[in-house]
């Protein structure tokens, strides 16, 4: 599939009904964002506004729902790191 060109569901299923036409670019973008989330947490960055800004820069077309999911993951990762730090002291 050519980037920037989307196909209707009908076209995708007509071409090859058993094949998944997942957008590789979106999948890679998600992987990079999750890796970046981990980098933020491991670096000790716990400021949510910084994370939100980085998420929007990494994916300018991010939906509010996806951003909300990432923020939830970020908060959980920060909480987990804080708990791990408390146990080690």
PDB file of N, CA and C in Angstrom:
ATOM      1  N   UNK A   1       0.841  -1.180   0.000  1.00  0.00           N
ATOM      2  CA  UNK A   1       0.000   0.000   0.000  1.00  0.00           C
ATOM      3  C   UNK A   1       0.884   1.240   0.000  1.00  0.00           C
ATOM      4  N   UNK A   2       0.564   2.177  -0.800  1.00  0.00           N
ATOM      5  CA  UNK A   2       1.312   3.417  -0.908  1.00  0.00           C
ATOM      6  C   UNK A   2       0.946   4.303   0.270  1.00  0.00           C
ATOM      7  N   UNK A   3       1.950   4.896   0.892  1.00  0.00           N
ATOM      8  CA  UNK A   3       1.684   5.773   2.035  1.00  0.00           C
ATOM      9  C   UNK A   3       0.860   6.971   1.599  1.00  0.00           C
ATOM     10  N   UNK A   4      -0.041   7.362   2.444  1.00  0.00           N
ATOM     11  CA  UNK A   4      -0.862   8.529   2.167  1.00  0.00           C
ATOM     12  C   UNK A   4      -2.120   8.198   1.371  1.00  0.00           C
ATOM     13  N   UNK A   5      -2.229   6.977   0.886  1.00  0.00           N
ATOM     14  CA  UNK A   5      -3.405   6.567   0.127  1.00  0.00           C
ATOM     15  C   UNK A   5      -4.146   5.535   0.962  1.00  0.00           C
ATOM     16  N   UNK A   6      -5.398   5.780   1.216  1.00  0.00           N
ATOM     17  CA  UNK A   6      -6.152   4.809   2.004  1.00  0.00           C
ATOM     18  C   UNK A   6      -7.144   4.092   1.101  1.00  0.00           C
ATOM     19  N   UNK A   7      -7.416   2.877   1.475  1.00  0.00           N
ATOM     20  CA  UNK A   7      -8.369   2.069   0.711  1.00  0.00           C
ATOM     21  C   UNK A   7      -9.630   1.898   1.533  1.00  0.00           C
ATOM     22  N   UNK A   8     -10.726   1.755   0.833  1.00  0.00           N
ATOM     23  CA  UNK A   8     -11.964   1.469   1.545  1.00  0.00           C
ATOM     24  C   UNK A   8     -11.907   0.028   2.045  1.00  0.00           C
ATOM     25  N   UNK A   9     -12.727  -0.280   3.009  1.00  0.00           N
ATOM     26  CA  UNK A   9     -12.777  -1.641   3.532  1.00  0.00           C
ATOM     27  C   UNK A   9     -13.149  -2.612   2.408  1.00  0.00           C
ATOM     28  N   UNK A  10     -14.053  -2.211   1.552  1.00  0.00           N
ATOM     29  CA  UNK A  10     -14.464  -3.063   0.452  1.00  0.00           C
ATOM     30  C   UNK A  10     -13.282  -3.394  -0.449  1.00  0.00           C
ATOM     31  N   UNK A  11     -12.477  -2.391  -0.789  1.00  0.00           N
ATOM     32  CA  UNK A  11     -11.325  -2.605  -1.659  1.00  0.00           C
ATOM     33  C   UNK A  11     -10.331  -3.557  -1.013  1.00  0.00           C
ATOM     34  N   UNK A  12     -10.060  -3.369   0.257  1.00  0.00           N
ATOM     35  CA  UNK A  12      -9.101  -4.232   0.948  1.00  0.00           C
ATOM     36  C   UNK A  12      -9.568  -5.677   0.959  1.00  0.00           C
ATOM     37  N   UNK A  13     -10.814  -5.902   1.279  1.00  0.00           N
ATOM     38  CA  UNK A  13     -11.298  -7.271   1.364  1.00  0.00           C
ATOM     39  C   UNK A  13     -11.431  -7.893  -0.017  1.00  0.00           C
ATOM     40  N   UNK A  14     -11.682  -7.121  -1.038  1.00  0.00           N
ATOM     41  CA  UNK A  14     -11.790  -7.635  -2.398  1.00  0.00           C
ATOM     42  C   UNK A  14     -10.418  -8.068  -2.913  1.00  0.00           C
ATOM     43  N   UNK A  15      -9.391  -7.333  -2.568  1.00  0.00           N
ATOM     44  CA  UNK A  15      -8.056  -7.665  -3.052  1.00  0.00           C
ATOM     45  C   UNK A  15      -7.572  -8.976  -2.469  1.00  0.00           C
ATOM     46  N   UNK A  16      -7.700  -9.112  -1.181  1.00  0.00           N
ATOM     47  CA  UNK A  16      -7.245 -10.333  -0.514  1.00  0.00           C
ATOM     48  C   UNK A  16      -7.992 -10.436   0.813  1.00  0.00           C
ATOM     49  N   UNK A  17      -9.125 -11.106   0.826  1.00  0.00           N
ATOM     50  CA  UNK A  17      -9.988 -11.130   2.015  1.00  0.00           C
ATOM     51  C   UNK A  17      -9.314 -11.634   3.290  1.00  0.00           C
ATOM     52  N   UNK A  18      -8.330 -12.508   3.179  1.00  0.00           N
ATOM     53  CA  UNK A  18      -7.707 -13.053   4.373  1.00  0.00           C
ATOM     54  C   UNK A  18      -6.548 -12.232   4.890  1.00  0.00           C
ATOM     55  N   UNK A  19      -6.135 -11.242   4.146  1.00  0.00           N
ATOM     56  CA  UNK A  19      -4.958 -10.457   4.512  1.00  0.00           C
ATOM     57  C   UNK A  19      -5.331  -9.255   5.362  1.00  0.00           C
ATOM     58  N   UNK A  20      -4.499  -8.971   6.311  1.00  0.00           N
ATOM     59  CA  UNK A  20      -4.677  -7.779   7.140  1.00  0.00           C
ATOM     60  C   UNK A  20      -3.901  -6.637   6.505  1.00  0.00           C
ATOM     61  N   UNK A  21      -4.536  -5.524   6.341  1.00  0.00           N
ATOM     62  CA  UNK A  21      -3.884  -4.364   5.752  1.00  0.00           C
ATOM     63  C   UNK A  21      -3.586  -3.316   6.822  1.00  0.00           C
ATOM     64  N   UNK A  22      -2.960  -3.757   7.875  1.00  0.00           N
ATOM     65  CA  UNK A  22      -2.604  -2.826   8.951  1.00  0.00           C
ATOM     66  C   UNK A  22      -1.577  -1.835   8.427  1.00  0.00           C
ATOM     67  N   UNK A  23      -1.708  -0.620   8.835  1.00  0.00           N
ATOM     68  CA  UNK A  23      -0.806   0.434   8.392  1.00  0.00           C
ATOM     69  C   UNK A  23       0.533   0.285   9.108  1.00  0.00           C
ATOM     70  N   UNK A  24       1.544  -0.087   8.358  1.00  0.00           N
ATOM     71  CA  UNK A  24       2.879  -0.300   8.931  1.00  0.00           C
ATOM     72  C   UNK A  24       3.417   0.959   9.598  1.00  0.00           C
ATOM     73  N   UNK A  25       3.179   2.103   8.985  1.00  0.00           N
ATOM     74  CA  UNK A  25       3.682   3.354   9.551  1.00  0.00           C
ATOM     75  C   UNK A  25       3.054   3.638  10.910  1.00  0.00           C
ATOM     76  N   UNK A  26       1.761   3.412  11.025  1.00  0.00           N
ATOM     77  CA  UNK A  26       1.082   3.639  12.310  1.00  0.00           C
ATOM     78  C   UNK A  26       1.600   2.673  13.367  1.00  0.00           C
ATOM     79  N   UNK A  27       1.818   1.424  12.968  1.00  0.00           N
ATOM     80  CA  UNK A  27       2.330   0.431  13.912  1.00  0.00           C
ATOM     81  C   UNK A  27       3.730   0.813  14.388  1.00  0.00           C
ATOM     82  N   UNK A  28       4.587   1.250  13.447  1.00  0.00           N
ATOM     83  CA  UNK A  28       5.928   1.678  13.823  1.00  0.00           C
ATOM     84  C   UNK A  28       5.886   2.903  14.724  1.00  0.00           C
ATOM     85  N   UNK A  29       4.984   3.819  14.421  1.00  0.00           N
ATOM     86  CA  UNK A  29       4.838   5.027  15.227  1.00  0.00           C
ATOM     87  C   UNK A  29       4.446   4.657  16.657  1.00  0.00           C
ATOM     88  N   UNK A  30       3.538   3.689  16.785  1.00  0.00           N
ATOM     89  CA  UNK A  30       3.102   3.253  18.115  1.00  0.00           C
ATOM     90  C   UNK A  30       4.263   2.609  18.869  1.00  0.00           C
ATOM     91  N   UNK A  31       5.038   1.763  18.178  1.00  0.00           N
ATOM     92  CA  UNK A  31       6.204   1.140  18.823  1.00  0.00           C
ATOM     93  C   UNK A  31       7.190   2.191  19.311  1.00  0.00           C
ATOM     94  N   UNK A  32       7.444   3.176  18.456  1.00  0.00           N
ATOM     95  CA  UNK A  32       8.383   4.250  18.842  1.00  0.00           C
ATOM     96  C   UNK A  32       7.849   5.027  20.043  1.00  0.00           C
ATOM     97  N   UNK A  33       6.523   5.281  20.051  1.00  0.00           N
ATOM     98  CA  UNK A  33       5.940   6.038  21.158  1.00  0.00           C
ATOM     99  C   UNK A  33       6.035   5.255  22.457  1.00  0.00           C
ATOM    100  N   UNK A  34       5.781   3.954  22.412  1.00  0.00           N
ATOM    101  CA  UNK A  34       5.884   3.139  23.625  1.00  0.00           C
ATOM    102  C   UNK A  34       7.335   3.055  24.105  1.00  0.00           C
ATOM    103  N   UNK A  35       8.271   2.979  23.169  1.00  0.00           N
ATOM    104  CA  UNK A  35       9.688   2.974  23.545  1.00  0.00           C
ATOM    105  C   UNK A  35      10.064   4.313  24.161  1.00  0.00           C
ATOM    106  N   UNK A  36       9.546   5.371  23.585  1.00  0.00           N
ATOM    107  CA  UNK A  36       9.831   6.717  24.121  1.00  0.00           C
ATOM    108  C   UNK A  36       9.233   6.872  25.512  1.00  0.00           C
ATOM    109  N   UNK A  37       8.041   6.324  25.720  1.00  0.00           N
ATOM    110  CA  UNK A  37       7.407   6.351  27.033  1.00  0.00           C
ATOM    111  C   UNK A  37       8.339   5.705  28.053  1.00  0.00           C
ATOM    112  N   UNK A  38       8.881   4.545  27.689  1.00  0.00           N
ATOM    113  CA  UNK A  38       9.796   3.836  28.582  1.00  0.00           C
ATOM    114  C   UNK A  38      11.050   4.668  28.857  1.00  0.00           C
ATOM    115  N   UNK A  39      11.569   5.327  27.816  1.00  0.00           N
ATOM    116  CA  UNK A  39      12.757   6.187  27.988  1.00  0.00           C
ATOM    117  C   UNK A  39      12.468   7.315  28.970  1.00  0.00           C
ATOM    118  N   UNK A  40      11.298   7.931  28.839  1.00  0.00           N
ATOM    119  CA  UNK A  40      10.924   9.022  29.743  1.00  0.00           C
ATOM    120  C   UNK A  40      10.928   8.544  31.186  1.00  0.00           C
ATOM    121  N   UNK A  41      10.291   7.419  31.401  1.00  0.00           N
ATOM    122  CA  UNK A  41      10.153   6.908  32.769  1.00  0.00           C
ATOM    123  C   UNK A  41      11.519   6.512  33.331  1.00  0.00           C
ATOM    124  N   UNK A  42      12.303   5.805  32.547  1.00  0.00           N
ATOM    125  CA  UNK A  42      13.625   5.375  33.022  1.00  0.00           C
ATOM    126  C   UNK A  42      14.559   6.548  33.263  1.00  0.00           C
ATOM    127  N   UNK A  43      14.365   7.632  32.520  1.00  0.00           N
ATOM    128  CA  UNK A  43      15.194   8.826  32.706  1.00  0.00           C
ATOM    129  C   UNK A  43      14.752   9.624  33.928  1.00  0.00           C
ATOM    130  N   UNK A  44      13.651   9.208  34.532  1.00  0.00           N
ATOM    131  CA  UNK A  44      13.176   9.893  35.731  1.00  0.00           C
ATOM    132  C   UNK A  44      12.244  11.048  35.438  1.00  0.00           C
ATOM    133  N   UNK A  45      11.825  11.184  34.203  1.00  0.00           N
ATOM    134  CA  UNK A  45      10.904  12.261  33.845  1.00  0.00           C
ATOM    135  C   UNK A  45       9.495  11.837  34.238  1.00  0.00           C
ATOM    136  N   UNK A  46       8.903  12.612  35.112  1.00  0.00           N
ATOM    137  CA  UNK A  46       7.570  12.282  35.600  1.00  0.00           C
ATOM    138  C   UNK A  46       6.568  13.375  35.286  1.00  0.00           C
ATOM    139  N   UNK A  47       7.003  14.383  34.542  1.00  0.00           N
ATOM    140  CA  UNK A  47       6.122  15.496  34.212  1.00  0.00           C
ATOM    141  C   UNK A  47       5.234  15.121  33.030  1.00  0.00           C
ATOM    142  N   UNK A  48       3.967  15.021  33.300  1.00  0.00           N
ATOM    143  CA  UNK A  48       3.014  14.630  32.263  1.00  0.00           C
ATOM    144  C   UNK A  48       2.974  15.612  31.090  1.00  0.00           C
ATOM    145  N   UNK A  49       3.034  16.934  31.327  1.00  0.00           N
ATOM    146  CA  UNK A  49       3.011  17.858  30.184  1.00  0.00           C
ATOM    147  C   UNK A  49       4.166  17.631  29.200  1.00  0.00           C
ATOM    148  N   UNK A  50       5.338  17.297  29.719  1.00  0.00           N
ATOM    149  CA  UNK A  50       6.470  17.005  28.836  1.00  0.00           C
ATOM    150  C   UNK A  50       6.179  15.777  27.996  1.00  0.00           C
ATOM    151  N   UNK A  51       5.595  14.768  28.602  1.00  0.00           N
ATOM    152  CA  UNK A  51       5.275  13.542  27.890  1.00  0.00           C
ATOM    153  C   UNK A  51       4.214  13.795  26.822  1.00  0.00           C
ATOM    154  N   UNK A  52       3.193  14.558  27.156  1.00  0.00           N
ATOM    155  CA  UNK A  52       2.123  14.860  26.200  1.00  0.00           C
ATOM    156  C   UNK A  52       2.698  15.618  25.006  1.00  0.00           C
ATOM    157  N   UNK A  53       3.557  16.576  25.272  1.00  0.00           N
ATOM    158  CA  UNK A  53       4.189  17.342  24.190  1.00  0.00           C
ATOM    159  C   UNK A  53       4.989  16.408  23.280  1.00  0.00           C
ATOM    160  N   UNK A  54       5.760  15.502  23.858  1.00  0.00           N
ATOM    161  CA  UNK A  54       6.558  14.557  23.068  1.00  0.00           C
ATOM    162  C   UNK A  54       5.654  13.624  22.264  1.00  0.00           C
ATOM    163  N   UNK A  55       4.550  13.207  22.856  1.00  0.00           N
ATOM    164  CA  UNK A  55       3.615  12.317  22.154  1.00  0.00           C
ATOM    165  C   UNK A  55       3.013  13.014  20.946  1.00  0.00           C
ATOM    166  N   UNK A  56       2.648  14.259  21.116  1.00  0.00           N
ATOM    167  CA  UNK A  56       2.059  15.012  20.007  1.00  0.00           C
ATOM    168  C   UNK A  56       3.090  15.304  18.920  1.00  0.00           C
ATOM    169  N   UNK A  57       4.339  15.509  19.310  1.00  0.00           N
ATOM    170  CA  UNK A  57       5.396  15.717  18.320  1.00  0.00           C
ATOM    171  C   UNK A  57       5.672  14.425  17.552  1.00  0.00           C
ATOM    172  N   UNK A  58       5.641  13.297  18.247  1.00  0.00           N
ATOM    173  CA  UNK A  58       5.906  12.009  17.609  1.00  0.00           C
ATOM    174  C   UNK A  58       4.775  11.611  16.667  1.00  0.00           C
ATOM    175  N   UNK A  59       3.553  11.978  17.017  1.00  0.00           N
ATOM    176  CA  UNK A  59       2.398  11.627  16.187  1.00  0.00           C
ATOM    177  C   UNK A  59       1.428  12.804  16.171  1.00  0.00           C
ATOM    178  N   UNK A  60       1.629  13.742  15.238  1.00  0.00           N
ATOM    179  CA  UNK A  60       0.773  14.935  15.196  1.00  0.00           C
ATOM    180  C   UNK A  60      -0.710  14.620  14.975  1.00  0.00           C
ATOM    181  N   UNK A  61      -1.008  13.462  14.415  1.00  0.00           N
ATOM    182  CA  UNK A  61      -2.395  13.102  14.126  1.00  0.00           C
ATOM    183  C   UNK A  61      -3.018  12.241  15.223  1.00  0.00           C
ATOM    184  N   UNK A  62      -2.374  12.167  16.385  1.00  0.00           N
ATOM    185  CA  UNK A  62      -2.864  11.304  17.463  1.00  0.00           C
ATOM    186  C   UNK A  62      -4.256  11.750  17.894  1.00  0.00           C
ATOM    187  N   UNK A  63      -5.122  10.775  18.052  1.00  0.00           N
ATOM    188  CA  UNK A  63      -6.488  11.087  18.473  1.00  0.00           C
ATOM    189  C   UNK A  63      -6.510  11.330  19.983  1.00  0.00           C
ATOM    190  N   UNK A  64      -7.575  11.969  20.432  1.00  0.00           N
ATOM    191  CA  UNK A  64      -7.708  12.229  21.862  1.00  0.00           C
ATOM    192  C   UNK A  64      -7.764  10.912  22.640  1.00  0.00           C
ATOM    193  N   UNK A  65      -8.427   9.923  22.067  1.00  0.00           N
ATOM    194  CA  UNK A  65      -8.547   8.624  22.735  1.00  0.00           C
ATOM    195  C   UNK A  65      -7.186   7.950  22.869  1.00  0.00           C
ATOM    196  N   UNK A  66      -6.388   7.961  21.799  1.00  0.00           N
ATOM    197  CA  UNK A  66      -5.057   7.343  21.844  1.00  0.00           C
ATOM    198  C   UNK A  66      -4.158   8.092  22.820  1.00  0.00           C
ATOM    199  N   UNK A  67      -4.260   9.412  22.821  1.00  0.00           N
ATOM    200  CA  UNK A  67      -3.463  10.209  23.746  1.00  0.00           C
ATOM    201  C   UNK A  67      -3.854   9.887  25.182  1.00  0.00           C
ATOM    202  N   UNK A  68      -5.146   9.742  25.413  1.00  0.00           N
ATOM    203  CA  UNK A  68      -5.623   9.386  26.748  1.00  0.00           C
ATOM    204  C   UNK A  68      -5.053   8.031  27.177  1.00  0.00           C
ATOM    205  N   UNK A  69      -5.038   7.062  26.249  1.00  0.00           N
ATOM    206  CA  UNK A  69      -4.475   5.743  26.553  1.00  0.00           C
ATOM    207  C   UNK A  69      -2.986   5.838  26.879  1.00  0.00           C
ATOM    208  N   UNK A  70      -2.258   6.640  26.116  1.00  0.00           N
ATOM    209  CA  UNK A  70      -0.823   6.804  26.373  1.00  0.00           C
ATOM    210  C   UNK A  70      -0.564   7.471  27.721  1.00  0.00           C
ATOM    211  N   UNK A  71      -1.382   8.453  28.054  1.00  0.00           N
ATOM    212  CA  UNK A  71      -1.231   9.127  29.341  1.00  0.00           C
ATOM    213  C   UNK A  71      -1.480   8.137  30.477  1.00  0.00           C
ATOM    214  N   UNK A  72      -2.488   7.289  30.305  1.00  0.00           N
ATOM    215  CA  UNK A  72      -2.771   6.265  31.318  1.00  0.00           C
ATOM    216  C   UNK A  72      -1.578   5.330  31.470  1.00  0.00           C
ATOM    217  N   UNK A  73      -0.995   4.898  30.347  1.00  0.00           N
ATOM    218  CA  UNK A  73       0.190   4.043  30.392  1.00  0.00           C
ATOM    219  C   UNK A  73       1.363   4.754  31.050  1.00  0.00           C
ATOM    220  N   UNK A  74       1.523   6.037  30.730  1.00  0.00           N
ATOM    221  CA  UNK A  74       2.609   6.830  31.304  1.00  0.00           C
ATOM    222  C   UNK A  74       2.450   6.913  32.819  1.00  0.00           C
ATOM    223  N   UNK A  75       1.249   7.218  33.265  1.00  0.00           N
ATOM    224  CA  UNK A  75       1.003   7.324  34.711  1.00  0.00           C
ATOM    225  C   UNK A  75       1.281   5.997  35.407  1.00  0.00           C
ATOM    226  N   UNK A  76       0.844   4.899  34.791  1.00  0.00           N
ATOM    227  CA  UNK A  76       1.078   3.574  35.379  1.00  0.00           C
ATOM    228  C   UNK A  76       2.572   3.256  35.443  1.00  0.00           C
ATOM    229  N   UNK A  77       3.300   3.623  34.386  1.00  0.00           N
ATOM    230  CA  UNK A  77       4.740   3.364  34.355  1.00  0.00           C
ATOM    231  C   UNK A  77       5.464   4.206  35.407  1.00  0.00           C
ATOM    232  N   UNK A  78       5.060   5.451  35.560  1.00  0.00           N
ATOM    233  CA  UNK A  78       5.670   6.331  36.568  1.00  0.00           C
ATOM    234  C   UNK A  78       5.380   5.781  37.967  1.00  0.00           C
ATOM    235  N   UNK A  79       4.140   5.373  38.203  1.00  0.00           N
ATOM    236  CA  UNK A  79       3.766   4.819  39.501  1.00  0.00           C
ATOM    237  C   UNK A  79       4.587   3.571  39.809  1.00  0.00           C
ATOM    238  N   UNK A  80       4.728   2.697  38.817  1.00  0.00           N
ATOM    239  CA  UNK A  80       5.500   1.466  38.998  1.00  0.00           C
ATOM    240  C   UNK A  80       6.957   1.781  39.328  1.00  0.00           C
ATOM    241  N   UNK A  81       7.529   2.755  38.622  1.00  0.00           N
ATOM    242  CA  UNK A  81       8.919   3.126  38.894  1.00  0.00           C
ATOM    243  C   UNK A  81       9.063   3.703  40.296  1.00  0.00           C
ATOM    244  N   UNK A  82       8.094   4.526  40.702  1.00  0.00           N
ATOM    245  CA  UNK A  82       8.131   5.098  42.048  1.00  0.00           C
ATOM    246  C   UNK A  82       8.049   4.000  43.100  1.00  0.00           C
ATOM    247  N   UNK A  83       7.197   3.022  42.883  1.00  0.00           N
ATOM    248  CA  UNK A  83       7.068   1.915  43.824  1.00  0.00           C
ATOM    249  C   UNK A  83       8.358   1.108  43.884  1.00  0.00           C
ATOM    250  N   UNK A  84       8.963   0.864  42.730  1.00  0.00           N
ATOM    251  CA  UNK A  84      10.218   0.119  42.660  1.00  0.00           C
ATOM    252  C   UNK A  84      11.331   0.878  43.394  1.00  0.00           C
ATOM    253  N   UNK A  85      11.357   2.203  43.220  1.00  0.00           N
ATOM    254  CA  UNK A  85      12.365   3.032  43.899  1.00  0.00           C
ATOM    255  C   UNK A  85      12.176   2.997  45.414  1.00  0.00           C
ATOM    256  N   UNK A  86      10.933   3.027  45.857  1.00  0.00           N
ATOM    257  CA  UNK A  86      10.659   2.999  47.296  1.00  0.00           C
ATOM    258  C   UNK A  86      11.087   1.688  47.913  1.00  0.00           C
ATOM    259  N   UNK A  87      10.884   0.588  47.192  1.00  0.00           N
ATOM    260  CA  UNK A  87      11.280  -0.724  47.698  1.00  0.00           C
ATOM    261  C   UNK A  87      12.796  -0.863  47.779  1.00  0.00           C
ATOM    262  N   UNK A  88      13.502  -0.204  46.888  1.00  0.00           N
ATOM    263  CA  UNK A  88      14.957  -0.363  46.856  1.00  0.00           C
ATOM    264  C   UNK A  88      15.657   0.511  47.917  1.00  0.00           C
ATOM    265  N   UNK A  89      14.949   1.469  48.491  1.00  0.00           N
ATOM    266  CA  UNK A  89      15.587   2.352  49.501  1.00  0.00           C
ATOM    267  C   UNK A  89      15.349   1.853  50.870  1.00  0.00           C
TER     268      UNK A  89
END
